[in-house]
Amino acid sequence: MKQFCNVREHLENLRHLLQWTLLVLPVAILSGSASALFLWALDHVTRLRWENPWLLFLLPISGLAVGWVYHHFGKKSDAGTNLIMEEIHTPGGGVPGRMAPLVLAGTLLTHLCGGSAGREGTAVQMGGSLAGLFGRLAKVSAENRRVLLLAGVAAGFGSVFGTPLAGAIFALEVLVVGHVRYDALIPVLVASLVGDFTCSLWGIHHTPYHIAFVAADSGHALLNGALLGKVVLAAILFGLVSQGFAEFTHLIKKTFARLLPYAPLRPAVGGVLVIGLVWLVGTRDYLGLGVTSPDSDAVTILSAFTPGGATPWSWWWKLLFTAITLGSGFKGGEVTPLFFIGATLGHALALLLGAPVDLFAALGFIAVFAGATNTPLACTVMGLELFGSTHAVYFAVACFIAYLFSGHSGIYTAQRPGVPKKPAI
């Protein structure tokens, strides 16, 4: 009763809520607007690539251009999302304001010419860059600038995928493996919600996903032992593939750096390799985002939710295309390609195990991402936001087990180890 009647404490909480809401509102609005601009432009350059297949042969030139600009003008911006994470861990020189326009232009050029990349890295970097710029202009303290950067990450992630709750949790969960920063709950939640709302106000619509399968005992999912066992088995493979993607991408990056000391040449060579892969595989299905395609027979994320919508090795080809694109130095994110890899792997495993294709595509969609980023909580919530709550238990099982089996690697090198993934026995 005494604590309940502590008016001063509750007024202090209210002041904290209002202050941080007002402080992160500009960051959220700017980040949501930047995501809207990016998604609008990304849709246009993707359609332009579909209508002009010859643009693929400019990929080496575009890679050279992006590499040259970053080499001469990017400074610290080339570190991308990892720089933002390092600045949150230990504030240093700050996140340069030039990061936002550079990553926006670099990502659009990558997609225009067919590089296999995503969009979350761009949105997160724009959000972090704008948050850093606002923090400097507003003369915010170093500690509060760290929270503003977290808010920028949340707003960028939440707005680019239309998943504000997952965006908020992702920002709190991604920094340290096994730790969640509860001290920044209010700022990141406000930023992610407002960022997503702002993006929607600009008329941006996100891809809808649907799982038609409903278990006969969906109200008691844990009692469906056979299906749950298949989910566990698939989740182990999701975790192993997410680990493989992270380590393979890092290996390619190190190999390019060792063999090609002059950085601008790396994406140029990477572009040549991607063109060679298209010739080898005989399809362009693994270029760009891969969410949709004008070709009804193409393998896409959406097609993976339907029987016959992917081949048994679609996940591997997308992994290879993406690892070469990003590992060689092209700009973009890893997450949407991870969605593609996970959805097509889930499709293949569903056919192998005799399980529902759409459910397992959705499980792979979120679980491979969970393993590669070490963010099982955020990815479980993303599943709820994208696919509904009917299969919540399966979402959690898939993400948690994939996280366990993804080892100690991840796509973000600035992510720090926190607590072990499994307790000692």
Protein backbone atom coordinates (compact mmCIF):
# COMPACT_ATOMS: atom_id res chain seq x y z
CA MET A 1 0.00 0.00 0.00
CA LYS A 2 2.86 2.34 0.82
CA GLN A 3 4.44 1.82 -2.58
CA PHE A 4 1.07 2.21 -4.28
CA CYS A 5 0.57 5.58 -2.60
CA ASN A 6 4.06 6.82 -3.49
CA VAL A 7 2.82 9.67 -5.66
CA ARG A 8 6.28 11.13 -6.17
CA GLU A 9 7.60 7.91 -7.69
CA HIS A 10 4.65 7.58 -10.05
CA LEU A 11 5.00 11.19 -11.13
CA GLU A 12 8.68 10.54 -11.80
CA ASN A 13 7.71 7.54 -13.95
CA LEU A 14 5.25 9.70 -15.85
CA ARG A 15 7.91 12.35 -16.40
CA HIS A 16 10.29 9.66 -17.69
CA LEU A 17 7.65 8.38 -20.10
CA LEU A 18 6.83 11.84 -21.45
CA GLN A 19 10.45 12.98 -21.73
CA TRP A 20 11.60 9.96 -23.67
CA THR A 21 8.51 9.99 -25.85
CA LEU A 22 9.20 13.58 -26.85
CA LEU A 23 12.92 12.87 -27.33
CA VAL A 24 12.51 9.86 -29.61
CA LEU A 25 9.58 11.21 -31.64
CA PRO A 26 11.82 13.11 -34.12
CA VAL A 27 14.06 10.05 -34.50
CA ALA A 28 11.07 7.78 -35.07
CA ILE A 29 9.41 10.09 -37.59
CA LEU A 30 12.65 10.59 -39.51
CA SER A 31 13.43 6.85 -39.48
CA GLY A 32 9.91 5.87 -40.54
CA SER A 33 9.98 8.42 -43.35
CA ALA A 34 13.43 7.22 -44.46
CA SER A 35 12.14 3.63 -44.53
CA ALA A 36 9.14 4.73 -46.57
CA LEU A 37 11.38 6.47 -49.09
CA PHE A 38 13.64 3.45 -49.23
CA LEU A 39 10.82 0.93 -49.71
CA TRP A 40 9.18 3.10 -52.37
CA ALA A 41 12.47 3.46 -54.25
CA LEU A 42 13.32 -0.22 -53.77
CA ASP A 43 10.04 -1.24 -55.36
CA HIS A 44 10.74 0.99 -58.36
CA VAL A 45 14.33 -0.17 -58.93
CA THR A 46 13.24 -3.81 -58.58
CA ARG A 47 10.56 -3.35 -61.23
CA LEU A 48 13.07 -1.56 -63.41
CA ARG A 49 15.41 -4.56 -63.15
CA TRP A 50 12.58 -6.95 -64.02
CA GLU A 51 11.76 -4.90 -67.12
CA ASN A 52 15.42 -4.57 -68.19
CA PRO A 53 17.25 -7.89 -67.66
CA TRP A 54 20.43 -6.46 -69.21
CA LEU A 55 21.00 -4.42 -66.03
CA LEU A 56 22.48 -7.55 -64.45
CA PHE A 57 25.58 -7.12 -66.62
CA LEU A 58 26.20 -3.73 -64.99
CA LEU A 59 26.49 -5.36 -61.57
CA PRO A 60 30.34 -5.35 -61.58
CA ILE A 61 30.36 -1.67 -62.57
CA SER A 62 27.83 -0.76 -59.91
CA GLY A 63 29.89 -2.71 -57.38
CA LEU A 64 33.00 -0.79 -58.36
CA ALA A 65 31.09 2.50 -58.04
CA VAL A 66 29.70 1.64 -54.60
CA GLY A 67 33.07 0.41 -53.41
CA TRP A 68 34.86 3.52 -54.69
CA VAL A 69 32.42 5.93 -53.04
CA TYR A 70 32.63 4.15 -49.69
CA HIS A 71 36.41 3.88 -49.94
CA HIS A 72 36.91 7.61 -50.55
CA PHE A 73 33.96 9.20 -48.76
CA GLY A 74 32.45 6.62 -46.44
CA LYS A 75 35.03 6.73 -43.65
CA LYS A 76 33.53 4.66 -40.81
CA SER A 77 30.23 4.18 -42.64
CA ASP A 78 31.51 1.02 -44.31
CA ALA A 79 31.21 -0.81 -40.98
CA GLY A 80 27.43 -0.43 -41.28
CA THR A 81 25.23 -1.95 -38.60
CA ASN A 82 28.27 -3.13 -36.67
CA LEU A 83 29.39 0.49 -36.22
CA ILE A 84 26.01 1.40 -34.70
CA MET A 85 26.23 -1.55 -32.33
CA GLU A 86 29.77 -0.62 -31.29
CA GLU A 87 28.68 2.95 -30.62
CA ILE A 88 25.91 1.66 -28.37
CA HIS A 89 28.36 -0.59 -26.54
CA THR A 90 31.07 2.05 -26.16
CA PRO A 91 30.36 5.58 -27.43
CA GLY A 92 33.25 6.89 -29.50
CA GLY A 93 33.33 9.09 -32.56
CA GLY A 94 29.63 8.69 -33.20
CA VAL A 95 27.68 7.41 -36.19
CA PRO A 96 28.33 9.68 -39.21
CA GLY A 97 25.32 11.40 -40.75
CA ARG A 98 26.58 10.45 -44.21
CA MET A 99 25.81 6.80 -43.47
CA ALA A 100 22.10 7.26 -44.26
CA PRO A 101 22.40 8.61 -47.84
CA LEU A 102 25.35 6.35 -48.64
CA VAL A 103 23.66 3.11 -47.61
CA LEU A 104 20.40 4.18 -49.28
CA ALA A 105 22.10 4.84 -52.63
CA GLY A 106 24.39 1.82 -52.33
CA THR A 107 21.54 -0.58 -51.58
CA LEU A 108 19.34 0.73 -54.37
CA LEU A 109 22.20 0.37 -56.85
CA THR A 110 22.81 -3.18 -55.62
CA HIS A 111 19.18 -4.13 -56.20
CA LEU A 112 18.92 -2.28 -59.50
CA CYS A 113 21.60 -4.50 -61.00
CA GLY A 114 20.54 -7.75 -59.34
CA GLY A 115 22.68 -8.20 -56.25
CA SER A 116 21.17 -10.63 -53.72
CA ALA A 117 20.67 -8.48 -50.64
CA GLY A 118 18.04 -7.42 -48.16
CA ARG A 119 16.68 -4.23 -46.68
CA GLU A 120 16.91 -4.40 -42.88
CA GLY A 121 20.57 -3.35 -42.84
CA THR A 122 19.72 -0.23 -44.82
CA ALA A 123 16.76 0.71 -42.61
CA VAL A 124 18.70 0.07 -39.39
CA GLN A 125 21.70 2.07 -40.62
CA MET A 126 19.52 4.96 -41.74
CA GLY A 127 17.70 4.92 -38.40
CA GLY A 128 20.96 4.80 -36.45
CA SER A 129 22.56 7.51 -38.58
CA LEU A 130 19.58 9.85 -38.21
CA ALA A 131 19.43 9.15 -34.47
CA GLY A 132 23.11 9.95 -34.10
CA LEU A 133 22.74 13.17 -36.10
CA PHE A 134 19.74 14.27 -34.04
CA GLY A 135 21.58 13.45 -30.80
CA ARG A 136 24.50 15.67 -31.78
CA LEU A 137 22.29 18.56 -32.90
CA ALA A 138 20.19 18.35 -29.73
CA LYS A 139 23.36 18.07 -27.61
CA VAL A 140 22.10 14.91 -25.91
CA SER A 141 24.42 13.34 -23.33
CA ALA A 142 26.59 10.38 -24.34
CA GLU A 143 24.51 7.90 -22.33
CA ASN A 144 21.25 9.17 -23.79
CA ARG A 145 22.74 9.08 -27.30
CA ARG A 146 23.19 5.34 -26.83
CA VAL A 147 19.48 5.03 -26.10
CA LEU A 148 18.67 7.21 -29.12
CA LEU A 149 20.72 4.87 -31.30
CA LEU A 150 18.72 1.94 -29.95
CA ALA A 151 15.55 3.86 -30.78
CA GLY A 152 16.82 4.46 -34.31
CA VAL A 153 17.54 0.75 -34.76
CA ALA A 154 14.07 -0.16 -33.48
CA ALA A 155 12.32 2.42 -35.65
CA GLY A 156 14.22 1.35 -38.76
CA PHE A 157 13.65 -2.36 -38.23
CA GLY A 158 10.02 -2.06 -37.16
CA SER A 159 9.06 0.24 -40.03
CA VAL A 160 10.81 -1.61 -42.84
CA PHE A 161 9.07 -4.92 -42.04
CA GLY A 162 5.84 -3.62 -40.51
CA THR A 163 6.62 -5.42 -37.24
CA PRO A 164 6.91 -2.75 -34.52
CA LEU A 165 6.89 -5.10 -31.54
CA ALA A 166 9.59 -7.30 -33.06
CA GLY A 167 11.54 -4.15 -33.96
CA ALA A 168 11.54 -2.98 -30.35
CA ILE A 169 12.59 -6.36 -28.97
CA PHE A 170 15.22 -6.82 -31.69
CA ALA A 171 16.93 -3.55 -30.73
CA LEU A 172 17.07 -4.64 -27.07
CA GLU A 173 18.09 -8.24 -27.76
CA VAL A 174 20.64 -8.02 -30.57
CA LEU A 175 23.48 -6.24 -28.75
CA VAL A 176 24.52 -8.97 -26.33
CA VAL A 177 23.77 -12.67 -26.77
CA GLY A 178 21.49 -13.78 -23.97
CA HIS A 179 20.83 -10.30 -22.56
CA VAL A 180 17.94 -7.89 -23.06
CA ARG A 181 18.34 -4.18 -22.20
CA TYR A 182 15.24 -3.38 -20.17
CA ASP A 183 16.44 0.14 -19.32
CA ALA A 184 15.52 1.29 -22.82
CA LEU A 185 12.11 -0.38 -23.06
CA ILE A 186 10.04 2.79 -23.34
CA PRO A 187 12.20 4.64 -25.90
CA VAL A 188 12.53 1.70 -28.30
CA LEU A 189 8.86 0.77 -28.05
CA VAL A 190 7.74 4.33 -28.76
CA ALA A 191 10.27 4.68 -31.59
CA SER A 192 9.31 1.41 -33.26
CA LEU A 193 5.57 2.07 -33.02
CA VAL A 194 5.84 5.64 -34.28
CA GLY A 195 8.33 4.67 -36.99
CA ASP A 196 6.02 1.97 -38.32
CA PHE A 197 3.00 4.29 -38.13
CA THR A 198 4.90 7.02 -39.98
CA CYS A 199 5.95 4.61 -42.71
CA SER A 200 2.32 3.54 -43.13
CA LEU A 201 1.15 7.16 -43.33
CA TRP A 202 3.35 7.57 -46.40
CA GLY A 203 1.23 4.89 -48.09
CA ILE A 204 3.70 2.02 -47.80
CA HIS A 205 2.16 -1.44 -47.61
CA HIS A 206 3.96 -4.59 -46.49
CA THR A 207 3.69 -8.06 -48.02
CA PRO A 208 0.91 -10.09 -46.34
CA TYR A 209 1.63 -13.71 -45.37
CA HIS A 210 -0.87 -16.41 -44.55
CA ILE A 211 -0.74 -19.91 -43.08
CA ALA A 212 -3.79 -21.91 -44.15
CA PHE A 213 -2.92 -24.98 -42.08
CA VAL A 214 -4.77 -25.33 -38.77
CA ALA A 215 -4.04 -28.36 -36.59
CA ALA A 216 -7.06 -30.32 -35.42
CA ASP A 217 -5.99 -29.63 -31.85
CA SER A 218 -4.60 -26.16 -32.48
CA GLY A 219 -5.85 -25.04 -29.09
CA HIS A 220 -3.48 -27.56 -27.50
CA ALA A 221 -0.52 -27.47 -29.88
CA LEU A 222 1.83 -29.16 -27.42
CA LEU A 223 -0.35 -32.29 -27.48
CA ASN A 224 0.31 -32.78 -31.19
CA GLY A 225 3.44 -34.78 -30.51
CA ALA A 226 4.12 -35.94 -34.06
CA LEU A 227 4.00 -32.44 -35.53
CA LEU A 228 5.97 -30.97 -32.64
CA GLY A 229 8.69 -33.59 -33.15
CA LYS A 230 8.97 -32.61 -36.81
CA VAL A 231 9.22 -28.95 -35.81
CA VAL A 232 12.07 -29.76 -33.42
CA LEU A 233 13.95 -31.67 -36.11
CA ALA A 234 13.45 -28.88 -38.64
CA ALA A 235 14.53 -26.26 -36.08
CA ILE A 236 17.85 -28.04 -35.56
CA LEU A 237 18.52 -27.80 -39.29
CA PHE A 238 17.37 -24.16 -39.33
CA GLY A 239 19.96 -23.39 -36.67
CA LEU A 240 22.75 -25.20 -38.50
CA VAL A 241 21.97 -23.43 -41.76
CA SER A 242 21.87 -20.03 -40.05
CA GLN A 243 25.30 -20.74 -38.56
CA GLY A 244 26.56 -21.83 -41.96
CA PHE A 245 25.29 -18.65 -43.60
CA ALA A 246 26.96 -16.38 -41.03
CA GLU A 247 30.30 -18.16 -41.09
CA PHE A 248 30.35 -18.54 -44.87
CA THR A 249 29.62 -14.83 -45.39
CA HIS A 250 32.38 -13.84 -42.95
CA LEU A 251 34.78 -16.24 -44.69
CA ILE A 252 34.04 -14.75 -48.10
CA LYS A 253 34.54 -11.24 -46.73
CA LYS A 254 37.92 -12.16 -45.24
CA THR A 255 38.97 -13.95 -48.42
CA PHE A 256 38.11 -10.95 -50.60
CA ALA A 257 39.99 -8.63 -48.22
CA ARG A 258 43.08 -10.85 -48.35
CA LEU A 259 43.12 -11.38 -52.11
CA LEU A 260 42.03 -7.86 -53.12
CA PRO A 261 43.65 -5.20 -50.91
CA TYR A 262 42.02 -2.38 -52.92
CA ALA A 263 38.48 -2.39 -51.51
CA PRO A 264 36.53 -1.05 -54.55
CA LEU A 265 37.63 -4.07 -56.62
CA ARG A 266 35.95 -6.54 -54.25
CA PRO A 267 32.31 -5.88 -55.18
CA ALA A 268 33.32 -5.60 -58.84
CA VAL A 269 34.69 -9.14 -58.73
CA GLY A 270 31.70 -10.20 -56.64
CA GLY A 271 29.41 -8.91 -59.38
CA VAL A 272 31.22 -11.05 -61.96
CA LEU A 273 30.78 -14.09 -59.71
CA VAL A 274 27.06 -13.43 -59.32
CA ILE A 275 26.66 -13.23 -63.11
CA GLY A 276 28.54 -16.51 -63.36
CA LEU A 277 26.20 -18.09 -60.82
CA VAL A 278 23.16 -16.99 -62.84
CA TRP A 279 24.64 -18.71 -65.88
CA LEU A 280 25.47 -21.82 -63.83
CA VAL A 281 22.04 -22.17 -62.20
CA GLY A 282 20.13 -21.06 -65.28
CA THR A 283 17.69 -18.82 -63.41
CA ARG A 284 17.45 -15.31 -61.97
CA ASP A 285 15.21 -16.39 -59.10
CA TYR A 286 17.95 -15.77 -56.54
CA LEU A 287 18.67 -12.15 -57.43
CA GLY A 288 17.39 -9.17 -55.47
CA LEU A 289 15.01 -9.48 -52.54
CA GLY A 290 13.16 -12.54 -53.76
CA VAL A 291 9.87 -11.70 -52.04
CA THR A 292 7.84 -11.72 -55.27
CA SER A 293 8.47 -12.05 -59.00
CA PRO A 294 6.63 -11.19 -62.24
CA ASP A 295 7.28 -14.81 -63.28
CA SER A 296 4.57 -17.01 -61.77
CA ASP A 297 6.89 -20.02 -61.94
CA ALA A 298 9.78 -18.33 -60.11
CA VAL A 299 10.93 -19.37 -56.65
CA THR A 300 10.15 -16.60 -54.18
CA ILE A 301 9.44 -16.23 -50.48
CA LEU A 302 5.71 -16.20 -51.20
CA SER A 303 5.89 -19.23 -53.50
CA ALA A 304 7.66 -21.21 -50.76
CA PHE A 305 4.38 -21.21 -48.83
CA THR A 306 2.73 -23.33 -51.53
CA PRO A 307 3.50 -26.95 -52.53
CA GLY A 308 5.82 -27.02 -55.52
CA GLY A 309 6.84 -23.41 -54.96
CA ALA A 310 10.53 -24.18 -54.38
CA THR A 311 13.14 -26.78 -55.27
CA PRO A 312 14.95 -28.91 -52.66
CA TRP A 313 18.08 -26.76 -53.09
CA SER A 314 16.57 -23.30 -53.46
CA TRP A 315 17.74 -22.38 -49.97
CA TRP A 316 21.34 -23.26 -50.82
CA TRP A 317 21.42 -21.21 -54.01
CA LYS A 318 19.99 -18.15 -52.25
CA LEU A 319 22.55 -18.60 -49.47
CA LEU A 320 25.39 -18.72 -52.02
CA PHE A 321 24.16 -15.74 -54.04
CA THR A 322 23.72 -13.65 -50.88
CA ALA A 323 27.01 -14.62 -49.25
CA ILE A 324 28.93 -13.60 -52.39
CA THR A 325 26.96 -10.38 -52.84
CA LEU A 326 27.34 -9.13 -49.27
CA GLY A 327 30.69 -10.75 -48.57
CA SER A 328 32.26 -8.98 -51.53
CA GLY A 329 31.11 -5.57 -50.33
CA PHE A 330 27.73 -4.76 -51.88
CA LYS A 331 25.31 -2.90 -49.62
CA GLY A 332 22.01 -4.14 -48.24
CA GLY A 333 20.79 -6.34 -45.45
CA GLU A 334 20.94 -10.03 -44.66
CA VAL A 335 17.49 -10.51 -43.15
CA THR A 336 15.23 -10.73 -46.21
CA PRO A 337 17.61 -13.23 -47.86
CA LEU A 338 17.50 -15.15 -44.57
CA PHE A 339 13.70 -15.14 -44.84
CA PHE A 340 14.07 -16.62 -48.35
CA ILE A 341 16.61 -19.22 -47.20
CA GLY A 342 14.46 -20.20 -44.23
CA ALA A 343 11.16 -20.33 -46.12
CA THR A 344 12.54 -22.47 -48.96
CA LEU A 345 14.40 -24.73 -46.51
CA GLY A 346 11.18 -25.10 -44.52
CA HIS A 347 9.38 -25.95 -47.76
CA ALA A 348 11.90 -28.69 -48.56
CA LEU A 349 11.80 -30.13 -45.03
CA ALA A 350 8.00 -30.13 -45.00
CA LEU A 351 7.90 -32.29 -48.12
CA LEU A 352 10.58 -34.57 -46.67
CA LEU A 353 8.88 -34.94 -43.29
CA GLY A 354 5.30 -35.01 -44.51
CA ALA A 355 4.44 -31.76 -42.72
CA PRO A 356 2.35 -28.70 -43.70
CA VAL A 357 4.32 -26.72 -46.29
CA ASP A 358 2.99 -23.28 -45.36
CA LEU A 359 3.60 -23.78 -41.63
CA PHE A 360 7.15 -25.01 -42.12
CA ALA A 361 7.92 -22.21 -44.58
CA ALA A 362 6.83 -19.74 -41.90
CA LEU A 363 8.90 -21.54 -39.26
CA GLY A 364 12.00 -21.42 -41.44
CA PHE A 365 11.26 -17.78 -42.29
CA ILE A 366 11.65 -16.70 -38.65
CA ALA A 367 13.90 -19.44 -37.24
CA VAL A 368 16.84 -19.08 -39.64
CA PHE A 369 16.75 -15.36 -38.91
CA ALA A 370 16.65 -16.11 -35.16
CA GLY A 371 19.72 -18.31 -35.39
CA ALA A 372 21.73 -15.95 -37.58
CA THR A 373 21.08 -12.90 -35.36
CA ASN A 374 20.80 -14.66 -31.96
CA THR A 375 17.45 -12.97 -31.35
CA PRO A 376 14.92 -15.76 -30.64
CA LEU A 377 12.50 -13.56 -28.69
CA ALA A 378 12.25 -10.91 -31.39
CA CYS A 379 11.78 -13.53 -34.09
CA THR A 380 9.06 -15.33 -32.16
CA VAL A 381 7.18 -12.05 -31.82
CA MET A 382 7.78 -11.37 -35.52
CA GLY A 383 6.08 -14.67 -36.26
CA LEU A 384 3.06 -13.55 -34.27
CA GLU A 385 2.93 -10.19 -36.06
CA LEU A 386 3.32 -11.65 -39.54
CA PHE A 387 1.46 -14.96 -39.30
CA GLY A 388 -0.94 -14.64 -36.36
CA SER A 389 -1.00 -16.38 -32.99
CA THR A 390 -2.52 -19.74 -33.97
CA HIS A 391 0.87 -21.46 -34.17
CA ALA A 392 2.63 -19.46 -31.45
CA VAL A 393 4.00 -22.57 -29.71
CA TYR A 394 5.61 -23.82 -32.90
CA PHE A 395 7.09 -20.38 -33.57
CA ALA A 396 8.73 -20.31 -30.15
CA VAL A 397 10.02 -23.89 -30.38
CA ALA A 398 11.51 -23.30 -33.83
CA CYS A 399 13.19 -20.01 -32.90
CA PHE A 400 14.54 -21.15 -29.54
CA ILE A 401 15.98 -24.41 -30.86
CA ALA A 402 17.44 -22.74 -33.96
CA TYR A 403 19.09 -20.21 -31.63
CA LEU A 404 20.61 -23.05 -29.59
CA PHE A 405 21.97 -24.90 -32.62
CA SER A 406 23.33 -21.82 -34.41
CA GLY A 407 26.46 -21.92 -32.26
CA HIS A 408 28.38 -18.84 -31.25
CA SER A 409 28.47 -17.14 -34.63
CA GLY A 410 26.13 -14.53 -36.05
CA ILE A 411 25.85 -12.10 -38.92
CA TYR A 412 26.81 -9.15 -36.68
CA THR A 413 30.46 -9.23 -35.61
CA ALA A 414 29.85 -6.42 -33.09
CA GLN A 415 27.37 -8.57 -31.18
CA ARG A 416 28.93 -9.43 -27.82
CA PRO A 417 28.69 -12.71 -25.94
CA GLY A 418 26.57 -12.51 -22.81
CA VAL A 419 25.53 -15.75 -21.17
CA PRO A 420 26.12 -19.26 -22.56
CA LYS A 421 23.35 -20.64 -24.74
CA LYS A 422 23.06 -23.70 -22.52
CA PRO A 423 23.66 -24.02 -18.76
CA ALA A 424 26.38 -26.32 -17.50
CA ILE A 425 25.17 -29.65 -16.16
